[in-house]
Amino acid sequence: SGYYDAYYGQAQKVRTLIGRDVAAAFEQVDVL
């Protein structure tokens, strides 16, 4: 309590950004 949003919640937002980067990359190439 009190740290969930600052740590776990923020990490999940980064995970979303990584997924978006991957999706954008695969629009350009077949493999990384």
Full PDB file with SEQRES, HELIX, SHEET, SSBOND, CRYST1, ORIGX, SCALE, CONECT and MASTER records, all heavy atoms in Angstrom:
SEQRES   1 A   32  SER GLY TYR TYR ASP ALA TYR TYR GLY GLN ALA GLN LYS          
SEQRES   2 A   32  VAL ARG THR LEU ILE GLY ARG ASP VAL ALA ALA ALA PHE          
SEQRES   3 A   32  GLU GLN VAL ASP VAL LEU                                      
HELIX    1 AA1 ASP A    5  GLY A    9  3                                   5    
HELIX    2 AA2 GLN A   10  PHE A   26  1                                  17    
CRYST1    1.000    1.000    1.000  90.00  90.00  90.00 P 1           1          
ORIGX1      1.000000  0.000000  0.000000        0.00000                         
ORIGX2      0.000000  1.000000  0.000000        0.00000                         
ORIGX3      0.000000  0.000000  1.000000        0.00000                         
SCALE1      1.000000  0.000000  0.000000        0.00000                         
SCALE2      0.000000  1.000000  0.000000        0.00000                         
SCALE3      0.000000  0.000000  1.000000        0.00000                         
ATOM      1  N   SER A   1       0.829  -1.196   0.000  1.00  0.00           N  
ATOM      2  CA  SER A   1       0.000   0.000   0.000  1.00  0.00           C  
ATOM      3  C   SER A   1       0.870   1.254   0.000  1.00  0.00           C  
ATOM      4  O   SER A   1       1.811   1.370   0.789  1.00  0.00           O  
ATOM      5  CB  SER A   1      -0.914  -0.005   1.226  1.00  0.00           C  
ATOM      6  OG  SER A   1      -1.683   1.174   1.291  1.00  0.00           O  
ATOM      7  N   GLY A   2       0.568   2.169  -0.899  1.00  0.00           N  
ATOM      8  CA  GLY A   2       1.324   3.397  -0.991  1.00  0.00           C  
ATOM      9  C   GLY A   2       2.454   3.353  -1.989  1.00  0.00           C  
ATOM     10  O   GLY A   2       2.988   4.393  -2.373  1.00  0.00           O  
ATOM     11  N   TYR A   3       2.848   2.144  -2.406  1.00  0.00           N  
ATOM     12  CA  TYR A   3       3.953   2.000  -3.357  1.00  0.00           C  
ATOM     13  C   TYR A   3       3.531   1.314  -4.665  1.00  0.00           C  
ATOM     14  O   TYR A   3       4.276   1.304  -5.634  1.00  0.00           O  
ATOM     15  CB  TYR A   3       5.107   1.217  -2.724  1.00  0.00           C  
ATOM     16  CG  TYR A   3       5.714   1.925  -1.543  1.00  0.00           C  
ATOM     17  CD1 TYR A   3       5.353   1.577  -0.245  1.00  0.00           C  
ATOM     18  CD2 TYR A   3       6.615   2.972  -1.726  1.00  0.00           C  
ATOM     19  CE1 TYR A   3       5.888   2.237   0.849  1.00  0.00           C  
ATOM     20  CE2 TYR A   3       7.157   3.644  -0.643  1.00  0.00           C  
ATOM     21  CZ  TYR A   3       6.795   3.277   0.637  1.00  0.00           C  
ATOM     22  OH  TYR A   3       7.322   3.941   1.715  1.00  0.00           O  
ATOM     23  N   TYR A   4       2.352   0.720  -4.660  1.00  0.00           N  
ATOM     24  CA  TYR A   4       1.878  -0.047  -5.821  1.00  0.00           C  
ATOM     25  C   TYR A   4       1.937   0.790  -7.094  1.00  0.00           C  
ATOM     26  O   TYR A   4       2.516   0.379  -8.105  1.00  0.00           O  
ATOM     27  CB  TYR A   4       0.458  -0.546  -5.550  1.00  0.00           C  
ATOM     28  CG  TYR A   4      -0.149  -1.365  -6.664  1.00  0.00           C  
ATOM     29  CD1 TYR A   4      -0.116  -2.751  -6.621  1.00  0.00           C  
ATOM     30  CD2 TYR A   4      -0.772  -0.756  -7.755  1.00  0.00           C  
ATOM     31  CE1 TYR A   4      -0.675  -3.510  -7.636  1.00  0.00           C  
ATOM     32  CE2 TYR A   4      -1.320  -1.493  -8.774  1.00  0.00           C  
ATOM     33  CZ  TYR A   4      -1.277  -2.878  -8.713  1.00  0.00           C  
ATOM     34  OH  TYR A   4      -1.833  -3.621  -9.726  1.00  0.00           O  
ATOM     35  N   ASP A   5       1.331   1.965  -7.081  1.00  0.00           N  
ATOM     36  CA  ASP A   5       1.292   2.796  -8.280  1.00  0.00           C  
ATOM     37  C   ASP A   5       2.679   3.282  -8.683  1.00  0.00           C  
ATOM     38  O   ASP A   5       3.006   3.356  -9.871  1.00  0.00           O  
ATOM     39  CB  ASP A   5       0.365   3.997  -8.065  1.00  0.00           C  
ATOM     40  CG  ASP A   5      -1.104   3.583  -8.001  1.00  0.00           C  
ATOM     41  OD1 ASP A   5      -1.429   2.529  -8.562  1.00  0.00           O  
ATOM     42  OD2 ASP A   5      -1.898   4.324  -7.402  1.00  0.00           O  
ATOM     43  N   ALA A   6       3.496   3.607  -7.707  1.00  0.00           N  
ATOM     44  CA  ALA A   6       4.817   4.158  -7.994  1.00  0.00           C  
ATOM     45  C   ALA A   6       5.768   3.122  -8.586  1.00  0.00           C  
ATOM     46  O   ALA A   6       6.651   3.471  -9.383  1.00  0.00           O  
ATOM     47  CB  ALA A   6       5.433   4.731  -6.718  1.00  0.00           C  
ATOM     48  N   TYR A   7       5.576   1.862  -8.230  1.00  0.00           N  
ATOM     49  CA  TYR A   7       6.512   0.829  -8.680  1.00  0.00           C  
ATOM     50  C   TYR A   7       5.852  -0.159  -9.647  1.00  0.00           C  
ATOM     51  O   TYR A   7       6.125  -0.140 -10.845  1.00  0.00           O  
ATOM     52  CB  TYR A   7       7.114   0.114  -7.469  1.00  0.00           C  
ATOM     53  CG  TYR A   7       8.022   1.009  -6.667  1.00  0.00           C  
ATOM     54  CD1 TYR A   7       7.612   1.508  -5.432  1.00  0.00           C  
ATOM     55  CD2 TYR A   7       9.271   1.364  -7.141  1.00  0.00           C  
ATOM     56  CE1 TYR A   7       8.440   2.343  -4.695  1.00  0.00           C  
ATOM     57  CE2 TYR A   7      10.111   2.201  -6.418  1.00  0.00           C  
ATOM     58  CZ  TYR A   7       9.690   2.691  -5.197  1.00  0.00           C  
ATOM     59  OH  TYR A   7      10.509   3.516  -4.478  1.00  0.00           O  
ATOM     60  N   TYR A   8       4.995  -1.015  -9.129  1.00  0.00           N  
ATOM     61  CA  TYR A   8       4.381  -2.035  -9.991  1.00  0.00           C  
ATOM     62  C   TYR A   8       3.551  -1.397 -11.098  1.00  0.00           C  
ATOM     63  O   TYR A   8       3.639  -1.795 -12.269  1.00  0.00           O  
ATOM     64  CB  TYR A   8       3.515  -2.967  -9.147  1.00  0.00           C  
ATOM     65  CG  TYR A   8       2.908  -4.115  -9.932  1.00  0.00           C  
ATOM     66  CD1 TYR A   8       3.696  -5.185 -10.358  1.00  0.00           C  
ATOM     67  CD2 TYR A   8       1.555  -4.117 -10.263  1.00  0.00           C  
ATOM     68  CE1 TYR A   8       3.145  -6.232 -11.080  1.00  0.00           C  
ATOM     69  CE2 TYR A   8       0.995  -5.157 -10.981  1.00  0.00           C  
ATOM     70  CZ  TYR A   8       1.798  -6.212 -11.392  1.00  0.00           C  
ATOM     71  OH  TYR A   8       1.249  -7.235 -12.111  1.00  0.00           O  
ATOM     72  N   GLY A   9       2.768  -0.382 -10.751  1.00  0.00           N  
ATOM     73  CA  GLY A   9       1.937   0.276 -11.758  1.00  0.00           C  
ATOM     74  C   GLY A   9       2.766   0.930 -12.845  1.00  0.00           C  
ATOM     75  O   GLY A   9       2.449   0.814 -14.038  1.00  0.00           O  
ATOM     76  N   GLN A  10       3.830   1.605 -12.465  1.00  0.00           N  
ATOM     77  CA  GLN A  10       4.703   2.245 -13.456  1.00  0.00           C  
ATOM     78  C   GLN A  10       5.391   1.201 -14.333  1.00  0.00           C  
ATOM     79  O   GLN A  10       5.555   1.397 -15.543  1.00  0.00           O  
ATOM     80  CB  GLN A  10       5.753   3.106 -12.749  1.00  0.00           C  
ATOM     81  CG  GLN A  10       5.220   4.401 -12.163  1.00  0.00           C  
ATOM     82  CD  GLN A  10       4.706   5.351 -13.240  1.00  0.00           C  
ATOM     83  OE1 GLN A  10       3.508   5.498 -13.447  1.00  0.00           O  
ATOM     84  NE2 GLN A  10       5.630   5.975 -13.943  1.00  0.00           N  
ATOM     85  N   ALA A  11       5.801   0.089 -13.736  1.00  0.00           N  
ATOM     86  CA  ALA A  11       6.451  -0.975 -14.514  1.00  0.00           C  
ATOM     87  C   ALA A  11       5.509  -1.542 -15.561  1.00  0.00           C  
ATOM     88  O   ALA A  11       5.921  -1.847 -16.694  1.00  0.00           O  
ATOM     89  CB  ALA A  11       6.934  -2.085 -13.574  1.00  0.00           C  
ATOM     90  N   GLN A  12       4.243  -1.668 -15.220  1.00  0.00           N  
ATOM     91  CA  GLN A  12       3.277  -2.164 -16.194  1.00  0.00           C  
ATOM     92  C   GLN A  12       3.066  -1.167 -17.331  1.00  0.00           C  
ATOM     93  O   GLN A  12       2.839  -1.564 -18.487  1.00  0.00           O  
ATOM     94  CB  GLN A  12       1.945  -2.480 -15.503  1.00  0.00           C  
ATOM     95  CG  GLN A  12       1.985  -3.694 -14.584  1.00  0.00           C  
ATOM     96  CD  GLN A  12       2.116  -5.023 -15.331  1.00  0.00           C  
ATOM     97  OE1 GLN A  12       2.411  -5.072 -16.523  1.00  0.00           O  
ATOM     98  NE2 GLN A  12       1.882  -6.120 -14.637  1.00  0.00           N  
ATOM     99  N   LYS A  13       3.179   0.117 -17.043  1.00  0.00           N  
ATOM    100  CA  LYS A  13       3.090   1.119 -18.108  1.00  0.00           C  
ATOM    101  C   LYS A  13       4.282   1.012 -19.053  1.00  0.00           C  
ATOM    102  O   LYS A  13       4.138   1.138 -20.278  1.00  0.00           O  
ATOM    103  CB  LYS A  13       3.010   2.524 -17.504  1.00  0.00           C  
ATOM    104  CG  LYS A  13       1.702   2.810 -16.771  1.00  0.00           C  
ATOM    105  CD  LYS A  13       1.714   4.182 -16.103  1.00  0.00           C  
ATOM    106  CE  LYS A  13       0.424   4.425 -15.323  1.00  0.00           C  
ATOM    107  NZ  LYS A  13       0.444   5.729 -14.615  1.00  0.00           N  
ATOM    108  N   VAL A  14       5.454   0.770 -18.493  1.00  0.00           N  
ATOM    109  CA  VAL A  14       6.637   0.551 -19.329  1.00  0.00           C  
ATOM    110  C   VAL A  14       6.442  -0.691 -20.199  1.00  0.00           C  
ATOM    111  O   VAL A  14       6.803  -0.702 -21.379  1.00  0.00           O  
ATOM    112  CB  VAL A  14       7.902   0.420 -18.459  1.00  0.00           C  
ATOM    113  CG1 VAL A  14       9.092  -0.043 -19.300  1.00  0.00           C  
ATOM    114  CG2 VAL A  14       8.216   1.737 -17.776  1.00  0.00           C  
ATOM    115  N   ARG A  15       5.855  -1.727 -19.605  1.00  0.00           N  
ATOM    116  CA  ARG A  15       5.591  -2.949 -20.378  1.00  0.00           C  
ATOM    117  C   ARG A  15       4.699  -2.643 -21.581  1.00  0.00           C  
ATOM    118  O   ARG A  15       4.927  -3.157 -22.687  1.00  0.00           O  
ATOM    119  CB  ARG A  15       4.930  -3.987 -19.475  1.00  0.00           C  
ATOM    120  CG  ARG A  15       4.707  -5.331 -20.133  1.00  0.00           C  
ATOM    121  CD  ARG A  15       4.130  -6.323 -19.135  1.00  0.00           C  
ATOM    122  NE  ARG A  15       4.180  -7.673 -19.663  1.00  0.00           N  
ATOM    123  CZ  ARG A  15       3.888  -8.765 -18.973  1.00  0.00           C  
ATOM    124  NH1 ARG A  15       3.535  -8.660 -17.701  1.00  0.00           N  
ATOM    125  NH2 ARG A  15       3.959  -9.959 -19.522  1.00  0.00           N  
ATOM    126  N   THR A  16       3.717  -1.779 -21.391  1.00  0.00           N  
ATOM    127  CA  THR A  16       2.848  -1.375 -22.500  1.00  0.00           C  
ATOM    128  C   THR A  16       3.645  -0.652 -23.577  1.00  0.00           C  
ATOM    129  O   THR A  16       3.459  -0.893 -24.781  1.00  0.00           O  
ATOM    130  CB  THR A  16       1.715  -0.473 -21.985  1.00  0.00           C  
ATOM    131  OG1 THR A  16       0.925  -1.205 -21.052  1.00  0.00           O  
ATOM    132  CG2 THR A  16       0.822   0.006 -23.128  1.00  0.00           C  
ATOM    133  N   LEU A  17       4.549   0.229 -23.167  1.00  0.00           N  
ATOM    134  CA  LEU A  17       5.378   0.958 -24.134  1.00  0.00           C  
ATOM    135  C   LEU A  17       6.282   0.005 -24.914  1.00  0.00           C  
ATOM    136  O   LEU A  17       6.487   0.180 -26.125  1.00  0.00           O  
ATOM    137  CB  LEU A  17       6.228   1.999 -23.409  1.00  0.00           C  
ATOM    138  CG  LEU A  17       5.472   3.168 -22.761  1.00  0.00           C  
ATOM    139  CD1 LEU A  17       6.446   4.076 -22.019  1.00  0.00           C  
ATOM    140  CD2 LEU A  17       4.700   3.966 -23.810  1.00  0.00           C  
ATOM    141  N   ILE A  18       6.817  -0.989 -24.239  1.00  0.00           N  
ATOM    142  CA  ILE A  18       7.657  -1.981 -24.927  1.00  0.00           C  
ATOM    143  C   ILE A  18       6.837  -2.736 -25.970  1.00  0.00           C  
ATOM    144  O   ILE A  18       7.291  -2.963 -27.098  1.00  0.00           O  
ATOM    145  CB  ILE A  18       8.291  -2.942 -23.896  1.00  0.00           C  
ATOM    146  CG1 ILE A  18       9.348  -2.206 -23.083  1.00  0.00           C  
ATOM    147  CG2 ILE A  18       8.892  -4.175 -24.584  1.00  0.00           C  
ATOM    148  CD1 ILE A  18       9.851  -2.960 -21.870  1.00  0.00           C  
ATOM    149  N   GLY A  19       5.618  -3.108 -25.612  1.00  0.00           N  
ATOM    150  CA  GLY A  19       4.734  -3.770 -26.566  1.00  0.00           C  
ATOM    151  C   GLY A  19       4.457  -2.901 -27.786  1.00  0.00           C  
ATOM    152  O   GLY A  19       4.416  -3.390 -28.919  1.00  0.00           O  
ATOM    153  N   ARG A  20       4.294  -1.602 -27.553  1.00  0.00           N  
ATOM    154  CA  ARG A  20       4.048  -0.687 -28.674  1.00  0.00           C  
ATOM    155  C   ARG A  20       5.287  -0.558 -29.561  1.00  0.00           C  
ATOM    156  O   ARG A  20       5.173  -0.508 -30.791  1.00  0.00           O  
ATOM    157  CB  ARG A  20       3.632   0.684 -28.137  1.00  0.00           C  
ATOM    158  CG  ARG A  20       2.239   0.707 -27.519  1.00  0.00           C  
ATOM    159  CD  ARG A  20       1.936   2.060 -26.897  1.00  0.00           C  
ATOM    160  NE  ARG A  20       0.613   2.078 -26.265  1.00  0.00           N  
ATOM    161  CZ  ARG A  20       0.159   3.069 -25.513  1.00  0.00           C  
ATOM    162  NH1 ARG A  20       0.932   4.130 -25.287  1.00  0.00           N  
ATOM    163  NH2 ARG A  20      -1.050   2.998 -24.970  1.00  0.00           N  
ATOM    164  N   ASP A  21       6.463  -0.487 -28.940  1.00  0.00           N  
ATOM    165  CA  ASP A  21       7.702  -0.427 -29.724  1.00  0.00           C  
ATOM    166  C   ASP A  21       7.860  -1.665 -30.596  1.00  0.00           C  
ATOM    167  O   ASP A  21       8.265  -1.588 -31.762  1.00  0.00           O  
ATOM    168  CB  ASP A  21       8.908  -0.320 -28.786  1.00  0.00           C  
ATOM    169  CG  ASP A  21       9.190   1.113 -28.359  1.00  0.00           C  
ATOM    170  OD1 ASP A  21       8.451   2.020 -28.787  1.00  0.00           O  
ATOM    171  OD2 ASP A  21      10.149   1.317 -27.588  1.00  0.00           O  
ATOM    172  N   VAL A  22       7.554  -2.815 -30.010  1.00  0.00           N  
ATOM    173  CA  VAL A  22       7.669  -4.078 -30.750  1.00  0.00           C  
ATOM    174  C   VAL A  22       6.682  -4.097 -31.917  1.00  0.00           C  
ATOM    175  O   VAL A  22       7.041  -4.469 -33.044  1.00  0.00           O  
ATOM    176  CB  VAL A  22       7.434  -5.272 -29.802  1.00  0.00           C  
ATOM    177  CG1 VAL A  22       7.209  -6.551 -30.591  1.00  0.00           C  
ATOM    178  CG2 VAL A  22       8.613  -5.434 -28.847  1.00  0.00           C  
ATOM    179  N   ALA A  23       5.449  -3.694 -31.659  1.00  0.00           N  
ATOM    180  CA  ALA A  23       4.442  -3.682 -32.720  1.00  0.00           C  
ATOM    181  C   ALA A  23       4.855  -2.741 -33.849  1.00  0.00           C  
ATOM    182  O   ALA A  23       4.708  -3.075 -35.046  1.00  0.00           O  
ATOM    183  CB  ALA A  23       3.089  -3.264 -32.146  1.00  0.00           C  
ATOM    184  N   ALA A  24       5.393  -1.580 -33.499  1.00  0.00           N  
ATOM    185  CA  ALA A  24       5.829  -0.622 -34.515  1.00  0.00           C  
ATOM    186  C   ALA A  24       7.007  -1.183 -35.321  1.00  0.00           C  
ATOM    187  O   ALA A  24       7.084  -1.006 -36.541  1.00  0.00           O  
ATOM    188  CB  ALA A  24       6.213   0.693 -33.864  1.00  0.00           C  
ATOM    189  N   ALA A  25       7.911  -1.863 -34.631  1.00  0.00           N  
ATOM    190  CA  ALA A  25       9.067  -2.440 -35.321  1.00  0.00           C  
ATOM    191  C   ALA A  25       8.643  -3.511 -36.312  1.00  0.00           C  
ATOM    192  O   ALA A  25       9.164  -3.585 -37.434  1.00  0.00           O  
ATOM    193  CB  ALA A  25      10.039  -3.020 -34.290  1.00  0.00           C  
ATOM    194  N   PHE A  26       7.663  -4.336 -35.925  1.00  0.00           N  
ATOM    195  CA  PHE A  26       7.229  -5.410 -36.821  1.00  0.00           C  
ATOM    196  C   PHE A  26       6.366  -4.908 -37.978  1.00  0.00           C  
ATOM    197  O   PHE A  26       6.037  -5.674 -38.879  1.00  0.00           O  
ATOM    198  CB  PHE A  26       6.513  -6.507 -36.027  1.00  0.00           C  
ATOM    199  CG  PHE A  26       7.450  -7.383 -35.235  1.00  0.00           C  
ATOM    200  CD1 PHE A  26       7.192  -7.689 -33.899  1.00  0.00           C  
ATOM    201  CD2 PHE A  26       8.597  -7.904 -35.820  1.00  0.00           C  
ATOM    202  CE1 PHE A  26       8.054  -8.500 -33.173  1.00  0.00           C  
ATOM    203  CE2 PHE A  26       9.468  -8.717 -35.102  1.00  0.00           C  
ATOM    204  CZ  PHE A  26       9.196  -9.005 -33.773  1.00  0.00           C  
ATOM    205  N   GLU A  27       6.015  -3.650 -37.975  1.00  0.00           N  
ATOM    206  CA  GLU A  27       5.403  -3.058 -39.172  1.00  0.00           C  
ATOM    207  C   GLU A  27       6.460  -2.772 -40.227  1.00  0.00           C  
ATOM    208  O   GLU A  27       6.153  -2.663 -41.417  1.00  0.00           O  
ATOM    209  CB  GLU A  27       4.677  -1.764 -38.797  1.00  0.00           C  
ATOM    210  CG  GLU A  27       3.410  -1.993 -37.976  1.00  0.00           C  
ATOM    211  CD  GLU A  27       2.729  -0.690 -37.602  1.00  0.00           C  
ATOM    212  OE1 GLU A  27       3.249   0.396 -37.994  1.00  0.00           O  
ATOM    213  OE2 GLU A  27       1.681  -0.726 -36.927  1.00  0.00           O  
ATOM    214  N   GLN A  28       7.723  -2.689 -39.794  1.00  0.00           N  
ATOM    215  CA  GLN A  28       8.822  -2.401 -40.710  1.00  0.00           C  
ATOM    216  C   GLN A  28       9.594  -3.645 -41.137  1.00  0.00           C  
ATOM    217  O   GLN A  28      10.125  -3.695 -42.239  1.00  0.00           O  
ATOM    218  CB  GLN A  28       9.809  -1.436 -40.048  1.00  0.00           C  
ATOM    219  CG  GLN A  28       9.208  -0.149 -39.516  1.00  0.00           C  
ATOM    220  CD  GLN A  28      10.230   0.621 -38.699  1.00  0.00           C  
ATOM    221  OE1 GLN A  28      11.327   0.917 -39.165  1.00  0.00           O  
ATOM    222  NE2 GLN A  28       9.880   0.935 -37.449  1.00  0.00           N  
ATOM    223  N   VAL A  29       9.689  -4.632 -40.226  1.00  0.00           N  
ATOM    224  CA  VAL A  29      10.528  -5.811 -40.485  1.00  0.00           C  
ATOM    225  C   VAL A  29       9.793  -7.086 -40.093  1.00  0.00           C  
ATOM    226  O   VAL A  29       8.773  -7.048 -39.401  1.00  0.00           O  
ATOM    227  CB  VAL A  29      11.861  -5.723 -39.703  1.00  0.00           C  
ATOM    228  CG1 VAL A  29      12.690  -4.532 -40.173  1.00  0.00           C  
ATOM    229  CG2 VAL A  29      11.618  -5.649 -38.194  1.00  0.00           C  
ATOM    230  N   ASP A  30      10.350  -8.226 -40.518  1.00  0.00           N  
ATOM    231  CA  ASP A  30       9.757  -9.533 -40.200  1.00  0.00           C  
ATOM    232  C   ASP A  30      10.292 -10.101 -38.888  1.00  0.00           C  
ATOM    233  O   ASP A  30       9.564 -10.798 -38.165  1.00  0.00           O  
ATOM    234  CB  ASP A  30      10.043 -10.519 -41.332  1.00  0.00           C  
ATOM    235  CG  ASP A  30       9.428 -10.081 -42.642  1.00  0.00           C  
ATOM    236  OD1 ASP A  30       8.215  -9.816 -42.660  1.00  0.00           O  
ATOM    237  OD2 ASP A  30      10.166  -9.976 -43.651  1.00  0.00           O  
ATOM    238  N   VAL A  31      11.576  -9.846 -38.602  1.00  0.00           N  
ATOM    239  CA  VAL A  31      12.184 -10.303 -37.355  1.00  0.00           C  
ATOM    240  C   VAL A  31      13.099  -9.212 -36.821  1.00  0.00           C  
ATOM    241  O   VAL A  31      13.569  -8.356 -37.571  1.00  0.00           O  
ATOM    242  CB  VAL A  31      13.004 -11.613 -37.527  1.00  0.00           C  
ATOM    243  CG1 VAL A  31      12.115 -12.775 -37.940  1.00  0.00           C  
ATOM    244  CG2 VAL A  31      14.138 -11.417 -38.525  1.00  0.00           C  
ATOM    245  N   LEU A  32      13.348  -9.262 -35.515  1.00  0.00           N  
ATOM    246  CA  LEU A  32      14.311  -8.378 -34.871  1.00  0.00           C  
ATOM    247  C   LEU A  32      15.486  -9.223 -34.391  1.00  0.00           C  
ATOM    248  O   LEU A  32      15.294 -10.350 -33.919  1.00  0.00           O  
ATOM    249  CB  LEU A  32      13.672  -7.660 -33.683  1.00  0.00           C  
ATOM    250  CG  LEU A  32      12.495  -6.741 -33.991  1.00  0.00           C  
ATOM    251  CD1 LEU A  32      11.825  -6.292 -32.695  1.00  0.00           C  
ATOM    252  CD2 LEU A  32      12.956  -5.532 -34.801  1.00  0.00           C  
TER     253      LEU A  32                                                      
MASTER        0    0    0    2    0    0    0    6  252    1    0    3          
END                                                                             
